[in-house]
Protein backbone atom coordinates (compact mmCIF):
# COMPACT_ATOMS: atom_id res chain seq x y z
CA MET A 1 53.57 159.01 141.63
CA ASP A 2 50.18 159.21 139.93
CA THR A 3 49.79 158.03 136.37
CA MET A 4 47.89 159.82 133.67
CA LYS A 5 45.30 158.43 131.25
CA LEU A 6 44.62 160.51 128.16
CA HIS A 7 42.04 159.53 125.54
CA ASN A 8 40.93 161.35 122.37
CA VAL A 9 43.14 164.44 122.86
CA ILE A 10 44.51 166.72 120.15
CA GLU A 11 47.07 169.11 121.58
CA ARG A 12 50.58 170.38 120.95
CA LEU A 13 52.52 170.01 124.18
CA ASP A 14 55.94 171.22 125.28
CA ALA A 15 57.15 169.82 128.59
CA THR A 16 60.39 169.91 130.54
CA GLY A 17 61.08 167.75 133.59
CA ALA A 18 57.65 166.07 133.55
CA ASP A 19 57.04 162.54 134.79
CA PHE A 20 54.62 160.57 132.58
CA ALA A 21 55.97 157.17 133.74
CA GLY A 22 53.37 154.41 133.57
CA SER A 23 50.79 156.67 131.91
CA THR A 24 48.39 155.60 129.17
CA PHE A 25 47.81 157.59 125.98
CA GLU A 26 45.11 156.39 123.55
CA ASN A 27 43.95 158.06 120.34
CA VAL A 28 46.03 161.15 121.13
CA THR A 29 47.59 163.65 118.74
CA PHE A 30 50.70 165.34 120.12
CA ALA A 31 52.10 166.23 116.68
CA GLY A 32 54.91 168.80 116.79
CA SER A 33 55.33 168.50 120.56
CA GLY A 34 58.62 168.89 122.40
CA PHE A 35 59.84 167.11 125.52
CA LYS A 36 63.08 167.53 127.47
CA ASN A 37 64.27 165.72 130.60
CA VAL A 38 61.00 163.78 130.87
CA SER A 39 60.09 160.22 131.75
CA PHE A 40 57.72 158.05 129.76
CA ALA A 41 59.16 154.89 131.38
CA GLY A 42 56.66 152.04 131.21
CA ALA A 43 54.05 154.25 129.52
CA SER A 44 51.68 152.97 126.85
CA PHE A 45 50.87 154.78 123.59
CA ASP A 46 48.12 153.32 121.41
CA ASP A 47 46.96 154.99 118.18
CA VAL A 48 49.02 158.12 118.86
CA ASN A 49 50.22 160.76 116.39
CA MET A 50 53.74 161.70 117.44
CA ALA A 51 54.77 163.19 114.08
CA GLY A 52 57.45 165.85 114.42
CA TRP A 53 58.16 165.11 118.09
CA ARG A 54 61.34 166.57 119.51
CA ILE A 55 62.42 164.64 122.58
CA ALA A 56 65.77 164.91 124.36
CA ASN A 57 67.34 163.45 127.49
CA ALA A 58 64.29 161.33 128.19
CA ASP A 59 63.66 158.00 129.85
CA LEU A 60 61.65 155.93 127.38
CA SER A 61 62.61 152.58 128.92
CA GLY A 62 59.81 150.06 128.78
CA LEU A 63 57.64 152.36 126.65
CA ASN A 64 55.13 150.50 124.48
CA LEU A 65 54.05 152.10 121.20
CA SER A 66 51.27 150.58 119.13
CA ASN A 67 49.98 152.04 115.88
CA ALA A 68 51.99 155.24 116.39
CA ASN A 69 52.85 157.82 113.73
CA LEU A 70 56.51 158.70 114.32
CA ALA A 71 57.11 160.50 111.01
CA GLY A 72 59.80 163.15 111.44
CA ALA A 73 60.20 162.46 115.17
CA SER A 74 63.60 163.29 116.67
CA LEU A 75 64.89 161.39 119.71
CA ARG A 76 68.21 162.49 121.19
CA GLN A 77 70.03 160.98 124.14
CA CYS A 78 67.05 158.88 125.22
CA ARG A 79 67.07 155.68 127.25
CA LEU A 80 65.33 153.07 125.07
CA SER A 81 65.95 149.83 126.98
CA GLY A 82 62.86 147.64 126.68
CA THR A 83 61.04 150.13 124.42
CA ARG A 84 58.78 148.39 121.89
CA ILE A 85 57.14 149.61 118.69
CA ASP A 86 54.31 147.34 117.60
CA GLY A 87 55.78 144.60 119.78
CA VAL A 88 59.34 144.82 118.43
CA LEU A 89 62.22 145.92 120.65
CA VAL A 90 63.75 149.19 119.46
CA GLU A 91 67.18 147.90 120.50
CA HIS A 92 66.87 145.16 117.87
CA MET A 93 65.74 147.64 115.21
CA ILE A 94 68.79 149.79 115.94
CA ALA A 95 71.10 146.76 115.82
CA ALA A 96 69.74 145.83 112.38
CA TYR A 97 70.13 149.40 111.12
CA ASN A 98 73.69 149.69 112.46
CA ALA A 99 74.70 146.40 110.86
CA LEU A 100 73.30 147.51 107.50
CA ALA A 101 74.98 150.91 107.82
CA LYS A 102 78.33 149.18 108.43
CA GLY A 103 77.76 146.89 105.45
CA ASN A 104 77.90 143.81 107.68
CA ALA A 105 75.43 141.56 105.85
CA GLU A 106 75.82 138.60 108.20
CA GLU A 107 75.12 140.69 111.30
CA ALA A 108 72.25 142.48 109.55
CA ILE A 109 70.60 139.19 108.56
CA ALA A 110 70.87 137.90 112.14
CA ALA A 111 69.34 141.11 113.49
CA LEU A 112 66.53 141.01 110.91
CA LYS A 113 65.76 137.40 111.84
CA THR A 114 65.45 138.50 115.46
CA LEU A 115 63.01 141.23 114.40
CA LYS A 116 60.95 138.75 112.40
CA GLN A 117 60.76 136.33 115.35
CA GLU A 118 59.52 139.13 117.63
CA GLN A 119 56.66 139.93 115.29
CA LYS A 120 55.21 136.41 115.66
């Protein structure tokens, strides 16, 4: 599999079944794009506008996002194991959110401490 390197691109993209695993995206605007049954496993996104993304049934495991605009993005049935946003594991963000949503203060505090430690 070949990897892709995109720099300084502004494009709306809709893709189904594409393999972007291990690819690098820098200073890219894909606002409003849609992806289904794709792989971004191990890919790297730096300074990327992903506002309004619609992504479903995707492999995002090991994806690294840095300085990404995710406003209004929708992720459904995606594998997120090892995915990081600005160095923080998404799994830990979700754990903190779920604990807060359940009203479990003790669990939420523990999850938030984990997030804080990751940011160091």
